[in-house]
């Protein structure tokens, strides 16, 4: 590892370790005050194990339960980092007004605990109860015999250790209600590793995802993180889902679907190269996992660009960060003739938890007019 990269990783680990200590200390103060606990050494070992459980859980399949524990822990870290400093300050203020230390710690800690329970209940519900978000757009082009087209879109499914067959059944059920003409999956179908997909036989469930004009996907950054793209492509091919890897396909001689490699790829074709042999008088639909360079898509005559990746931050207030990073981090935007839609995703990464965002399926009804 290069010195600069080593320094960055070391700095992140040091800061994270401080957070684990800070959170663990706050929890200990409350537990020891309320329940008179005094076994600090076993407690410290437990907190350290939980704090690094996600990393440990990625080392071997037998340690997968630790990855699940670590996923929940990430949510605890985020909201503890916000609530615990406020709680500590509140205790200090109460002490200034001569409120006994034990009473201050008990009541402030109880309020924080209730807030955590409320946050987690709502976040868990948001994660596992997807909604269908609908958009209606007009593309001023002819599309063969099609005057209208319905697209069912689901980005960032993240099938793996956390998101499994139960959530996948929800996706299929909702798609059956929507009855799209075509289904598009703009990346991150799996969550890094293909092994849970195979081990849990998710393909036997996912093969029921069907539409008259087919099901198409592109690669997201998590497919590249997993490093088993050939095996992933083989699994998708077996269930009739075509993954477009810097490819263009003409659908029913009426419109094009263009699938780009993710930005995580070492090399990927430019949009201009992909459109070289395309009849631009027909509607052009691009799937690009990360919603960058809307201006480039607009410049090259793309009519509809579908993306995901951002999760809309997944846990508020992270959406304030994604909003600054991306021109469009969620929702819909028109740029010249381009209609851009970015989904917050159907699945989730890390905690099975959403706050300030919802798991969603996108229904897009297109009207073609010459």
Protein backbone atom coordinates (compact mmCIF):
# COMPACT_ATOMS: atom_id res chain seq x y z
CA UNK A 1 0.00 0.00 0.00
CA UNK A 2 1.30 3.44 -0.94
CA UNK A 3 2.24 5.80 1.96
CA UNK A 4 -0.57 8.25 1.15
CA UNK A 5 -3.20 5.50 0.97
CA UNK A 6 -1.81 3.96 4.17
CA UNK A 7 -2.05 7.33 5.94
CA UNK A 8 -5.67 7.81 4.80
CA UNK A 9 -6.74 4.29 5.86
CA UNK A 10 -4.94 4.65 9.18
CA UNK A 11 -6.62 8.00 9.80
CA UNK A 12 -10.07 6.56 9.05
CA UNK A 13 -9.47 3.58 11.35
CA UNK A 14 -8.20 5.84 14.12
CA UNK A 15 -11.23 8.11 13.88
CA UNK A 16 -13.58 5.13 13.75
CA UNK A 17 -11.89 3.57 16.78
CA UNK A 18 -12.42 6.83 18.67
CA UNK A 19 -16.13 6.72 17.73
CA UNK A 20 -16.41 3.11 18.97
CA UNK A 21 -14.76 4.13 22.26
CA UNK A 22 -16.96 7.22 22.63
CA UNK A 23 -20.18 5.28 21.96
CA UNK A 24 -19.11 2.38 24.16
CA UNK A 25 -18.22 4.73 27.01
CA UNK A 26 -21.58 6.52 26.87
CA UNK A 27 -23.49 3.25 26.89
CA UNK A 28 -21.38 1.97 29.79
CA UNK A 29 -21.99 5.11 31.87
CA UNK A 30 -25.74 4.64 31.53
CA UNK A 31 -25.73 0.86 32.10
CA UNK A 32 -23.40 1.05 35.10
CA UNK A 33 -25.50 3.86 36.61
CA UNK A 34 -28.86 2.17 36.12
CA UNK A 35 -27.89 -1.47 36.73
CA UNK A 36 -24.75 -1.00 38.88
CA UNK A 37 -22.61 -3.03 36.48
CA UNK A 38 -18.89 -3.26 37.21
CA UNK A 39 -17.53 -5.79 34.67
CA UNK A 40 -15.94 -3.23 32.38
CA UNK A 41 -13.39 -5.59 30.77
CA UNK A 42 -15.90 -8.11 29.29
CA UNK A 43 -18.07 -5.18 28.22
CA UNK A 44 -15.13 -3.51 26.45
CA UNK A 45 -14.29 -6.73 24.59
CA UNK A 46 -17.93 -7.07 23.52
CA UNK A 47 -18.07 -3.47 22.23
CA UNK A 48 -14.80 -3.93 20.34
CA UNK A 49 -16.12 -7.16 18.75
CA UNK A 50 -19.38 -5.47 17.72
CA UNK A 51 -17.54 -2.38 16.50
CA UNK A 52 -15.42 -4.39 14.05
CA UNK A 53 -17.96 -7.12 13.36
CA UNK A 54 -18.69 -5.99 9.79
CA UNK A 55 -15.02 -6.28 8.82
CA UNK A 56 -14.70 -9.65 10.58
CA UNK A 57 -17.90 -10.88 8.92
CA UNK A 58 -16.39 -10.36 5.47
CA UNK A 59 -13.42 -12.64 6.18
CA UNK A 60 -15.28 -15.95 5.81
CA UNK A 61 -18.78 -17.23 5.06
CA UNK A 62 -19.01 -18.82 8.53
CA UNK A 63 -18.69 -15.33 10.02
CA UNK A 64 -21.62 -13.90 8.03
CA UNK A 65 -23.72 -13.35 11.22
CA UNK A 66 -21.06 -10.87 12.33
CA UNK A 67 -21.58 -8.96 9.07
CA UNK A 68 -25.30 -8.69 9.89
CA UNK A 69 -24.49 -7.43 13.40
CA UNK A 70 -22.03 -4.94 11.92
CA UNK A 71 -24.66 -3.66 9.50
CA UNK A 72 -26.96 -2.71 12.37
CA UNK A 73 -24.00 -1.24 14.22
CA UNK A 74 -23.35 1.25 11.40
CA UNK A 75 -26.79 2.75 12.00
CA UNK A 76 -26.11 2.93 15.74
CA UNK A 77 -22.81 4.71 15.07
CA UNK A 78 -24.42 7.34 12.85
CA UNK A 79 -27.20 8.32 15.24
CA UNK A 80 -25.10 7.88 18.37
CA UNK A 81 -22.59 10.33 16.90
CA UNK A 82 -25.46 12.84 16.64
CA UNK A 83 -27.40 12.11 19.85
CA UNK A 84 -24.69 11.25 22.38
CA UNK A 85 -22.88 14.62 22.33
CA UNK A 86 -26.27 16.33 22.87
CA UNK A 87 -27.00 13.88 25.71
CA UNK A 88 -23.62 14.54 27.37
CA UNK A 89 -24.18 18.29 27.16
CA UNK A 90 -27.69 17.87 28.61
CA UNK A 91 -26.32 15.98 31.61
CA UNK A 92 -23.78 18.75 32.21
CA UNK A 93 -26.51 21.40 32.08
CA UNK A 94 -28.69 19.43 34.52
CA UNK A 95 -25.74 19.11 36.89
CA UNK A 96 -25.33 22.90 36.82
CA UNK A 97 -28.91 23.10 38.11
CA UNK A 98 -28.03 20.75 40.94
CA UNK A 99 -29.86 17.74 39.54
CA UNK A 100 -28.15 14.63 41.01
CA UNK A 101 -25.75 12.85 38.63
CA UNK A 102 -27.59 9.52 38.76
CA UNK A 103 -30.95 11.13 38.00
CA UNK A 104 -29.46 13.20 35.16
CA UNK A 105 -27.81 10.20 33.55
CA UNK A 106 -30.88 7.99 33.99
CA UNK A 107 -33.44 10.36 32.48
CA UNK A 108 -31.27 11.69 29.65
CA UNK A 109 -30.23 8.14 28.77
CA UNK A 110 -33.84 6.98 28.82
CA UNK A 111 -34.87 9.76 26.42
CA UNK A 112 -32.01 8.78 24.07
CA UNK A 113 -33.04 5.11 24.26
CA UNK A 114 -36.64 5.97 23.35
CA UNK A 115 -35.40 8.09 20.43
CA UNK A 116 -33.26 5.20 19.21
CA UNK A 117 -36.17 2.79 19.39
CA UNK A 118 -38.38 5.20 17.44
CA UNK A 119 -35.71 5.87 14.82
CA UNK A 120 -35.00 2.17 14.32
CA UNK A 121 -38.65 1.16 14.13
CA UNK A 122 -39.35 3.78 11.47
CA UNK A 123 -36.11 3.06 9.60
CA UNK A 124 -36.79 -0.68 9.57
CA UNK A 125 -40.31 -0.12 8.23
CA UNK A 126 -39.06 2.21 5.48
CA UNK A 127 -36.51 -0.39 4.40
CA UNK A 128 -38.81 -3.38 4.08
CA UNK A 129 -41.99 -1.70 2.80
CA UNK A 130 -41.20 -0.45 -0.71
CA UNK A 131 -43.37 2.01 -2.56
CA UNK A 132 -44.01 2.41 -6.28
CA UNK A 133 -43.01 5.86 -7.49
CA UNK A 134 -44.59 6.88 -10.80
CA UNK A 135 -43.35 9.22 -13.54
CA UNK A 136 -45.05 10.18 -16.79
CA UNK A 137 -42.89 11.59 -19.57
CA UNK A 138 -43.24 12.39 -23.26
CA UNK A 139 -40.50 11.66 -25.78
CA UNK A 140 -41.00 13.53 -29.07
CA UNK A 141 -39.99 10.62 -31.31
CA UNK A 142 -41.65 7.72 -33.04
CA UNK A 143 -41.01 4.30 -31.49
CA UNK A 144 -42.10 1.86 -34.18
CA UNK A 145 -45.59 0.61 -33.38
CA UNK A 146 -45.37 1.79 -29.78
CA UNK A 147 -47.29 4.91 -28.84
CA UNK A 148 -46.77 4.20 -25.14
CA UNK A 149 -44.25 2.22 -23.12
CA UNK A 150 -44.24 1.26 -19.45
CA UNK A 151 -40.88 0.68 -17.76
CA UNK A 152 -40.49 -1.06 -14.43
CA UNK A 153 -37.20 -0.01 -12.84
CA UNK A 154 -35.45 -1.27 -9.70
CA UNK A 155 -31.95 -0.12 -8.90
CA UNK A 156 -29.64 -1.13 -6.05
CA UNK A 157 -31.34 -4.35 -5.04
CA UNK A 158 -28.16 -5.45 -3.19
CA UNK A 159 -29.02 -9.13 -2.93
CA UNK A 160 -26.76 -10.81 -0.39
CA UNK A 161 -26.44 -11.46 3.32
CA UNK A 162 -28.94 -8.76 4.35
CA UNK A 163 -31.36 -8.48 1.42
CA UNK A 164 -32.63 -11.91 0.51
CA UNK A 165 -35.47 -13.85 -1.04
CA UNK A 166 -38.20 -12.27 1.10
CA UNK A 167 -37.45 -8.79 -0.26
CA UNK A 168 -36.98 -10.21 -3.73
CA UNK A 169 -40.51 -11.66 -3.56
CA UNK A 170 -41.77 -8.14 -2.78
CA UNK A 171 -40.08 -6.86 -5.94
CA UNK A 172 -41.65 -9.55 -8.10
CA UNK A 173 -45.07 -9.02 -6.54
CA UNK A 174 -44.99 -5.27 -7.19
CA UNK A 175 -43.72 -5.73 -10.75
CA UNK A 176 -46.61 -8.11 -11.41
CA UNK A 177 -49.00 -5.38 -10.30
CA UNK A 178 -47.28 -2.73 -12.47
CA UNK A 179 -47.20 -5.03 -15.52
CA UNK A 180 -44.36 -3.22 -17.29
CA UNK A 181 -43.51 -3.75 -20.94
CA UNK A 182 -39.84 -3.93 -20.03
CA UNK A 183 -37.89 -4.18 -16.75
CA UNK A 184 -34.63 -2.28 -16.29
CA UNK A 185 -32.17 -2.82 -13.41
CA UNK A 186 -29.56 -0.01 -13.33
CA UNK A 187 -26.83 -1.71 -11.31
CA UNK A 188 -25.95 -3.17 -7.90
CA UNK A 189 -28.22 -6.18 -8.28
CA UNK A 190 -25.93 -8.01 -5.84
CA UNK A 191 -24.21 -6.74 -2.72
CA UNK A 192 -20.51 -7.31 -3.47
CA UNK A 193 -20.33 -11.11 -3.25
CA UNK A 194 -22.14 -13.50 -5.59
CA UNK A 195 -21.86 -16.40 -3.09
CA UNK A 196 -24.98 -15.58 -0.99
CA UNK A 197 -26.97 -15.24 -4.23
CA UNK A 198 -25.95 -18.77 -5.20
CA UNK A 199 -26.09 -20.28 -1.72
CA UNK A 200 -29.62 -19.01 -1.05
CA UNK A 201 -30.75 -20.00 -4.57
CA UNK A 202 -31.98 -16.48 -5.28
CA UNK A 203 -31.89 -17.13 -9.01
CA UNK A 204 -34.86 -19.50 -8.67
CA UNK A 205 -36.86 -16.58 -7.27
CA UNK A 206 -35.48 -13.84 -9.49
CA UNK A 207 -36.28 -15.77 -12.67
CA UNK A 208 -39.93 -14.89 -12.06
CA UNK A 209 -39.08 -11.26 -12.85
CA UNK A 210 -40.59 -11.13 -16.32
CA UNK A 211 -41.77 -8.58 -18.91
CA UNK A 212 -42.86 -8.95 -22.57
CA UNK A 213 -39.84 -7.05 -23.91
CA UNK A 214 -37.38 -8.59 -21.49
CA UNK A 215 -35.33 -7.78 -18.41
CA UNK A 216 -32.08 -5.85 -18.76
CA UNK A 217 -29.45 -4.82 -16.24
CA UNK A 218 -26.12 -3.04 -16.04
CA UNK A 219 -23.15 -3.39 -13.72
CA UNK A 220 -22.92 -1.24 -10.60
CA UNK A 221 -19.94 -0.50 -8.39
CA UNK A 222 -20.83 -3.37 -6.03
CA UNK A 223 -20.57 -5.94 -8.81
CA UNK A 224 -17.03 -4.66 -9.35
CA UNK A 225 -16.27 -4.67 -5.61
CA UNK A 226 -17.25 -8.35 -5.50
CA UNK A 227 -14.75 -9.08 -8.24
CA UNK A 228 -16.70 -12.01 -9.70
CA UNK A 229 -18.32 -10.39 -12.71
CA UNK A 230 -17.99 -13.41 -15.07
CA UNK A 231 -19.77 -15.60 -12.52
CA UNK A 232 -22.42 -12.93 -11.96
CA UNK A 233 -23.03 -12.61 -15.71
CA UNK A 234 -23.40 -16.39 -15.92
CA UNK A 235 -25.98 -16.40 -13.12
CA UNK A 236 -27.99 -13.63 -14.80
CA UNK A 237 -27.85 -15.30 -18.20
CA UNK A 238 -29.24 -18.50 -16.65
CA UNK A 239 -32.40 -16.66 -15.59
CA UNK A 240 -32.78 -14.69 -18.85
CA UNK A 241 -31.64 -11.32 -17.51
CA UNK A 242 -29.35 -9.69 -20.03
CA UNK A 243 -26.61 -7.57 -18.50
CA UNK A 244 -25.48 -4.85 -20.91
CA UNK A 245 -21.75 -4.29 -20.50
CA UNK A 246 -21.07 -1.21 -22.62
CA UNK A 247 -23.65 -2.52 -25.07
CA UNK A 248 -26.55 -1.23 -27.11
CA UNK A 249 -29.64 -3.28 -27.89
CA UNK A 250 -32.49 -2.38 -30.23
CA UNK A 251 -35.80 -3.44 -28.72
CA UNK A 252 -38.61 -4.58 -31.05
CA UNK A 253 -37.09 -2.45 -33.80
CA UNK A 254 -38.60 0.52 -31.94
CA UNK A 255 -36.17 1.99 -29.38
CA UNK A 256 -32.71 1.47 -27.93
CA UNK A 257 -31.54 0.50 -24.46
CA UNK A 258 -27.91 1.43 -23.87
CA UNK A 259 -26.15 -0.14 -20.88
CA UNK A 260 -22.94 1.40 -19.61
CA UNK A 261 -20.23 -0.12 -17.46
CA UNK A 262 -20.04 1.45 -14.04
CA UNK A 263 -17.51 4.22 -13.37
CA UNK A 264 -15.71 1.69 -11.14
CA UNK A 265 -14.54 -0.13 -14.28
CA UNK A 266 -10.94 0.48 -15.29
CA UNK A 267 -12.03 1.12 -18.83
CA UNK A 268 -15.42 1.91 -20.27
CA UNK A 269 -16.57 3.23 -23.60
CA UNK A 270 -17.64 6.83 -23.88
CA UNK A 271 -21.27 7.55 -24.55
CA UNK A 272 -20.30 8.93 -27.95
CA UNK A 273 -18.64 5.60 -28.87
CA UNK A 274 -21.68 3.63 -27.71
CA UNK A 275 -23.97 5.72 -29.91
CA UNK A 276 -21.82 5.50 -33.06
CA UNK A 277 -24.00 2.93 -34.81
CA UNK A 278 -27.31 3.95 -33.29
CA UNK A 279 -30.25 5.46 -35.15
CA UNK A 280 -30.77 8.57 -33.03
CA UNK A 281 -34.17 9.19 -34.63
CA UNK A 282 -35.44 6.41 -32.35
CA UNK A 283 -35.83 6.87 -28.58
CA UNK A 284 -32.59 6.34 -26.64
CA UNK A 285 -32.77 4.97 -23.08
CA UNK A 286 -29.48 4.84 -21.16
CA UNK A 287 -28.79 2.93 -17.95
CA UNK A 288 -25.77 4.30 -16.09
CA UNK A 289 -25.52 3.22 -12.47
CA UNK A 290 -23.97 6.43 -11.11
CA UNK A 291 -25.82 9.62 -12.09
CA UNK A 292 -22.93 11.69 -13.37
CA UNK A 293 -22.67 13.93 -16.44
CA UNK A 294 -26.30 14.54 -17.28
CA UNK A 295 -25.05 17.29 -19.59
CA UNK A 296 -23.09 14.76 -21.67
CA UNK A 297 -26.17 12.54 -22.02
CA UNK A 298 -28.25 15.55 -23.06
CA UNK A 299 -25.59 16.67 -25.54
CA UNK A 300 -25.59 13.29 -27.30
CA UNK A 301 -29.36 13.15 -27.71
CA UNK A 302 -30.25 10.67 -24.97
CA UNK A 303 -33.97 10.81 -24.19
CA UNK A 304 -34.09 8.96 -20.87
CA UNK A 305 -31.26 8.24 -18.41
CA UNK A 306 -31.86 5.86 -15.50
CA UNK A 307 -29.54 5.66 -12.50
CA UNK A 308 -29.36 4.68 -8.85
CA UNK A 309 -26.29 4.40 -6.60
CA UNK A 310 -27.03 7.29 -4.23
CA UNK A 311 -29.72 5.60 -2.08
CA UNK A 312 -30.63 9.22 -1.37
CA UNK A 313 -28.17 8.90 1.48
CA UNK A 314 -30.26 5.99 2.89
CA UNK A 315 -30.09 7.43 6.42
CA UNK A 316 -30.84 11.11 7.02
CA UNK A 317 -29.09 13.52 7.15
CA UNK A 318 -26.81 11.78 4.61
CA UNK A 319 -29.05 13.10 1.82
CA UNK A 320 -27.52 16.52 2.44
CA UNK A 321 -24.19 15.05 1.32
CA UNK A 322 -25.48 13.21 -1.77
CA UNK A 323 -27.35 16.35 -2.78
CA UNK A 324 -24.04 18.23 -2.95
CA UNK A 325 -22.16 15.46 -4.76
CA UNK A 326 -24.64 14.83 -7.58
CA UNK A 327 -26.51 17.22 -9.85
CA UNK A 328 -29.48 14.91 -9.34
CA UNK A 329 -29.17 12.57 -6.35
CA UNK A 330 -32.80 11.44 -6.37
CA UNK A 331 -35.99 11.99 -8.31
CA UNK A 332 -36.56 13.55 -11.72
CA UNK A 333 -34.94 16.29 -13.73
CA UNK A 334 -35.30 17.42 -17.34
CA UNK A 335 -32.23 18.79 -19.08
CA UNK A 336 -33.01 19.91 -22.62
CA UNK A 337 -34.62 16.81 -24.23
CA UNK A 338 -33.16 14.50 -21.56
CA UNK A 339 -35.38 13.05 -18.86
CA UNK A 340 -33.17 11.89 -15.96
CA UNK A 341 -34.50 9.69 -13.17
CA UNK A 342 -32.44 8.61 -10.15
CA UNK A 343 -33.88 6.04 -7.77
CA UNK A 344 -33.16 5.75 -4.05
CA UNK A 345 -33.03 2.00 -4.69
CA UNK A 346 -35.08 -1.05 -3.88
CA UNK A 347 -32.59 -2.69 -1.55
CA UNK A 348 -30.02 -1.23 0.80
CA UNK A 349 -26.38 -1.34 1.76
CA UNK A 350 -25.25 -1.93 5.32
CA UNK A 351 -28.03 -1.42 7.86
CA UNK A 352 -31.47 -2.78 6.89
CA UNK A 353 -32.66 0.68 7.66
CA UNK A 354 -33.83 3.84 5.87
CA UNK A 355 -34.63 7.25 7.26
CA UNK A 356 -35.40 10.17 4.98
CA UNK A 357 -35.65 7.76 2.05
CA UNK A 358 -37.79 4.78 1.06
CA UNK A 359 -37.14 1.52 -0.72
CA UNK A 360 -38.80 2.10 -4.06
CA UNK A 361 -39.71 0.68 -7.44
CA UNK A 362 -39.99 3.12 -10.33
CA UNK A 363 -42.83 3.00 -12.85
CA UNK A 364 -42.21 5.14 -15.92
CA UNK A 365 -45.00 5.66 -18.43
CA UNK A 366 -43.67 7.05 -21.69
CA UNK A 367 -45.77 8.59 -24.45
CA UNK A 368 -44.09 8.78 -27.86
CA UNK A 369 -45.08 11.65 -30.14
CA UNK A 370 -43.41 12.51 -33.41
